[in-house]
């Protein structure tokens, strides 16, 4: 079932609201970063942008990028936040 929402002007930006059922199901809340990806013609995909963290491997000193857990940057064993 497709849901329709009307774009509204807020300040100098356009805003599209997210139905509460969808927000709850996908754990979307204020501050959640959403990514809009054009697909073709008038079609685009919206997805939650995964938060990433930069960590340093204590053994090699190499910087790596990892996915955050529950939106928090937690360095795994043998790493520290960079």
N, C-alpha and C. Protein backbone atom coordinates (compact mmCIF):
# COMPACT_ATOMS: atom_id res chain seq x y z
N UNK A 1 0.84 -1.17 0.00
CA UNK A 1 0.00 0.00 0.00
C UNK A 1 0.89 1.25 0.00
N UNK A 2 0.69 2.09 -0.96
CA UNK A 2 1.48 3.32 -1.07
C UNK A 2 0.90 4.40 -0.16
N UNK A 3 1.77 5.13 0.50
CA UNK A 3 1.35 6.26 1.34
C UNK A 3 1.74 7.54 0.64
N UNK A 4 0.87 8.52 0.70
CA UNK A 4 1.16 9.80 0.08
C UNK A 4 1.35 10.85 1.15
N UNK A 5 2.30 11.74 0.93
CA UNK A 5 2.56 12.86 1.82
C UNK A 5 2.78 14.09 0.97
N UNK A 6 2.30 15.22 1.44
CA UNK A 6 2.46 16.48 0.73
C UNK A 6 3.69 17.20 1.28
N UNK A 7 4.52 17.72 0.37
CA UNK A 7 5.68 18.50 0.80
C UNK A 7 5.20 19.86 1.30
N UNK A 8 5.79 20.31 2.43
CA UNK A 8 5.43 21.62 3.00
C UNK A 8 6.69 22.47 3.12
N UNK A 9 6.51 23.77 3.05
CA UNK A 9 7.63 24.68 3.22
C UNK A 9 7.81 24.99 4.70
N UNK A 10 9.04 24.81 5.18
CA UNK A 10 9.40 25.16 6.56
C UNK A 10 10.67 25.99 6.45
N UNK A 11 10.56 27.27 6.74
CA UNK A 11 11.70 28.16 6.53
C UNK A 11 11.96 28.25 5.04
N UNK A 12 13.19 27.92 4.64
CA UNK A 12 13.54 27.94 3.22
C UNK A 12 13.70 26.53 2.66
N UNK A 13 13.22 25.53 3.39
CA UNK A 13 13.33 24.14 2.96
C UNK A 13 11.96 23.52 2.76
N UNK A 14 11.92 22.43 2.00
CA UNK A 14 10.71 21.63 1.88
C UNK A 14 10.81 20.48 2.88
N UNK A 15 9.70 20.17 3.52
CA UNK A 15 9.65 19.11 4.52
C UNK A 15 8.61 18.08 4.11
N UNK A 16 8.94 16.80 4.28
CA UNK A 16 8.00 15.71 4.05
C UNK A 16 7.91 14.95 5.36
N UNK A 17 6.71 14.80 5.91
CA UNK A 17 6.57 14.08 7.18
C UNK A 17 6.54 12.58 6.95
N UNK A 18 6.92 11.84 7.98
CA UNK A 18 6.92 10.38 7.93
C UNK A 18 5.82 9.88 8.85
N UNK A 19 4.92 9.04 8.35
CA UNK A 19 3.86 8.51 9.22
C UNK A 19 4.44 7.82 10.45
N UNK A 20 3.80 8.01 11.59
CA UNK A 20 4.33 7.47 12.85
C UNK A 20 4.51 5.95 12.82
N UNK A 21 3.63 5.23 12.11
CA UNK A 21 3.76 3.77 12.03
C UNK A 21 5.06 3.38 11.34
N UNK A 22 5.42 4.11 10.30
CA UNK A 22 6.66 3.82 9.58
C UNK A 22 7.86 4.22 10.44
N UNK A 23 7.78 5.38 11.07
CA UNK A 23 8.87 5.85 11.93
C UNK A 23 9.15 4.85 13.05
N UNK A 24 8.09 4.34 13.68
CA UNK A 24 8.27 3.37 14.77
C UNK A 24 8.85 2.06 14.24
N UNK A 25 8.31 1.57 13.13
CA UNK A 25 8.74 0.27 12.59
C UNK A 25 10.23 0.30 12.21
N UNK A 26 10.68 1.41 11.61
CA UNK A 26 12.06 1.52 11.15
C UNK A 26 12.97 2.27 12.13
N UNK A 27 12.45 2.55 13.32
CA UNK A 27 13.22 3.24 14.36
C UNK A 27 13.80 4.56 13.85
N UNK A 28 12.94 5.36 13.22
CA UNK A 28 13.33 6.68 12.72
C UNK A 28 12.83 7.70 13.73
N UNK A 29 13.71 8.59 14.15
CA UNK A 29 13.35 9.62 15.12
C UNK A 29 14.05 10.91 14.73
N UNK A 30 13.77 11.98 15.44
CA UNK A 30 14.40 13.26 15.14
C UNK A 30 15.92 13.10 15.20
N UNK A 31 16.58 13.55 14.17
CA UNK A 31 18.03 13.43 14.10
C UNK A 31 18.50 12.25 13.26
N UNK A 32 17.60 11.31 12.93
CA UNK A 32 17.98 10.18 12.09
C UNK A 32 18.31 10.71 10.69
N UNK A 33 19.44 10.31 10.17
CA UNK A 33 19.87 10.76 8.85
C UNK A 33 19.27 9.83 7.80
N UNK A 34 18.52 10.42 6.86
CA UNK A 34 17.92 9.65 5.77
C UNK A 34 18.60 10.01 4.47
N UNK A 35 18.79 9.02 3.62
CA UNK A 35 19.47 9.21 2.34
C UNK A 35 18.45 9.03 1.21
N UNK A 36 18.39 10.00 0.32
CA UNK A 36 17.49 9.96 -0.84
C UNK A 36 18.33 9.60 -2.05
N UNK A 37 18.03 8.47 -2.67
CA UNK A 37 18.83 8.01 -3.81
C UNK A 37 17.96 7.98 -5.07
N UNK A 38 18.30 8.82 -6.09
CA UNK A 38 17.56 8.80 -7.35
C UNK A 38 17.72 7.44 -8.03
N UNK A 39 16.64 6.93 -8.58
CA UNK A 39 16.70 5.64 -9.26
C UNK A 39 16.52 5.84 -10.77
N UNK A 40 15.35 6.29 -11.18
CA UNK A 40 15.07 6.54 -12.59
C UNK A 40 13.88 7.48 -12.68
N UNK A 41 13.89 8.35 -13.66
CA UNK A 41 12.82 9.33 -13.88
C UNK A 41 12.34 9.95 -12.57
N UNK A 42 11.11 9.70 -12.16
CA UNK A 42 10.54 10.27 -10.94
C UNK A 42 10.59 9.31 -9.77
N UNK A 43 11.46 8.31 -9.83
CA UNK A 43 11.53 7.29 -8.78
C UNK A 43 12.81 7.49 -7.97
N UNK A 44 12.67 7.42 -6.64
CA UNK A 44 13.84 7.46 -5.78
C UNK A 44 13.61 6.56 -4.59
N UNK A 45 14.71 6.20 -3.93
CA UNK A 45 14.67 5.31 -2.78
C UNK A 45 15.10 6.12 -1.56
N UNK A 46 14.42 5.92 -0.45
CA UNK A 46 14.81 6.56 0.81
C UNK A 46 15.26 5.45 1.75
N UNK A 47 16.44 5.65 2.35
CA UNK A 47 16.91 4.66 3.32
C UNK A 47 17.61 5.36 4.47
N UNK A 48 17.65 4.67 5.60
CA UNK A 48 18.39 5.20 6.74
C UNK A 48 19.86 5.15 6.40
N UNK A 49 20.53 6.25 6.66
CA UNK A 49 21.97 6.32 6.42
C UNK A 49 22.66 5.70 7.63
N UNK A 50 23.45 4.71 7.38
CA UNK A 50 24.14 4.03 8.48
C UNK A 50 25.24 4.92 9.03
N UNK A 51 25.25 5.09 10.33
CA UNK A 51 26.29 5.89 10.97
C UNK A 51 27.56 5.07 11.02
N UNK A 52 28.66 5.70 10.66
CA UNK A 52 29.95 5.03 10.70
C UNK A 52 30.88 5.73 11.67
N UNK A 53 31.90 5.02 12.09
CA UNK A 53 32.89 5.54 13.03
C UNK A 53 34.28 5.21 12.51
N UNK A 54 35.22 6.10 12.81
CA UNK A 54 36.62 5.84 12.46
C UNK A 54 37.34 5.32 13.70
N UNK A 55 38.02 4.19 13.52
CA UNK A 55 38.77 3.59 14.63
C UNK A 55 40.20 3.32 14.19
N UNK A 56 41.11 3.29 15.18
CA UNK A 56 42.52 3.00 14.91
C UNK A 56 42.86 1.64 15.48
N UNK A 57 43.46 0.80 14.64
CA UNK A 57 43.93 -0.50 15.08
C UNK A 57 45.16 -0.27 15.94
N UNK A 58 45.11 -0.69 17.21
CA UNK A 58 46.23 -0.45 18.14
C UNK A 58 47.49 -1.20 17.72
N UNK A 59 47.34 -2.31 17.03
CA UNK A 59 48.52 -3.09 16.62
C UNK A 59 49.20 -2.52 15.39
N UNK A 60 48.42 -2.11 14.40
CA UNK A 60 49.00 -1.63 13.14
C UNK A 60 48.95 -0.11 13.00
N UNK A 61 48.19 0.55 13.87
CA UNK A 61 47.99 2.00 13.83
C UNK A 61 47.19 2.44 12.59
N UNK A 62 46.59 1.47 11.90
CA UNK A 62 45.82 1.75 10.68
C UNK A 62 44.42 2.26 11.06
N UNK A 63 43.94 3.29 10.34
CA UNK A 63 42.60 3.82 10.55
C UNK A 63 41.62 3.02 9.70
N UNK A 64 40.51 2.62 10.32
CA UNK A 64 39.47 1.88 9.61
C UNK A 64 38.12 2.51 9.90
N UNK A 65 37.15 2.22 9.06
CA UNK A 65 35.78 2.70 9.24
C UNK A 65 34.90 1.50 9.58
N UNK A 66 34.11 1.63 10.64
CA UNK A 66 33.20 0.56 11.05
C UNK A 66 31.80 1.14 11.19
N UNK A 67 30.80 0.28 11.18
CA UNK A 67 29.43 0.71 11.41
C UNK A 67 29.19 0.89 12.90
N UNK A 68 28.45 1.94 13.25
CA UNK A 68 28.11 2.18 14.65
C UNK A 68 27.07 1.16 15.09
N UNK A 69 27.03 0.86 16.37
CA UNK A 69 26.02 -0.06 16.93
C UNK A 69 25.00 0.77 17.67
N UNK A 70 23.74 0.67 17.26
CA UNK A 70 22.65 1.44 17.86
C UNK A 70 22.97 2.93 17.87
N UNK A 71 23.63 3.40 16.80
CA UNK A 71 23.93 4.81 16.68
C UNK A 71 25.09 5.30 17.51
N UNK A 72 25.79 4.38 18.18
CA UNK A 72 26.90 4.78 19.06
C UNK A 72 28.22 4.22 18.53
N UNK A 73 29.26 5.03 18.63
CA UNK A 73 30.59 4.58 18.22
C UNK A 73 31.26 3.87 19.39
N UNK A 74 31.45 2.59 19.22
CA UNK A 74 32.10 1.78 20.25
C UNK A 74 33.26 1.04 19.58
N UNK A 75 34.47 1.30 20.04
CA UNK A 75 35.64 0.66 19.45
C UNK A 75 35.69 -0.81 19.87
N UNK A 76 35.86 -1.72 18.90
CA UNK A 76 35.99 -3.13 19.25
C UNK A 76 37.33 -3.38 19.95
N UNK A 77 37.48 -4.56 20.50
CA UNK A 77 38.70 -4.94 21.21
C UNK A 77 39.90 -4.79 20.26
N UNK A 78 40.97 -4.16 20.75
CA UNK A 78 42.17 -3.97 19.94
C UNK A 78 42.14 -2.68 19.12
N UNK A 79 41.06 -1.91 19.26
CA UNK A 79 40.92 -0.66 18.52
C UNK A 79 40.61 0.47 19.49
N UNK A 80 40.82 1.71 19.02
CA UNK A 80 40.41 2.88 19.77
C UNK A 80 39.77 3.87 18.79
N UNK A 81 38.90 4.73 19.30
CA UNK A 81 38.27 5.72 18.43
C UNK A 81 39.33 6.67 17.90
N UNK A 82 39.27 6.95 16.62
CA UNK A 82 40.26 7.83 15.99
C UNK A 82 39.78 9.27 15.97
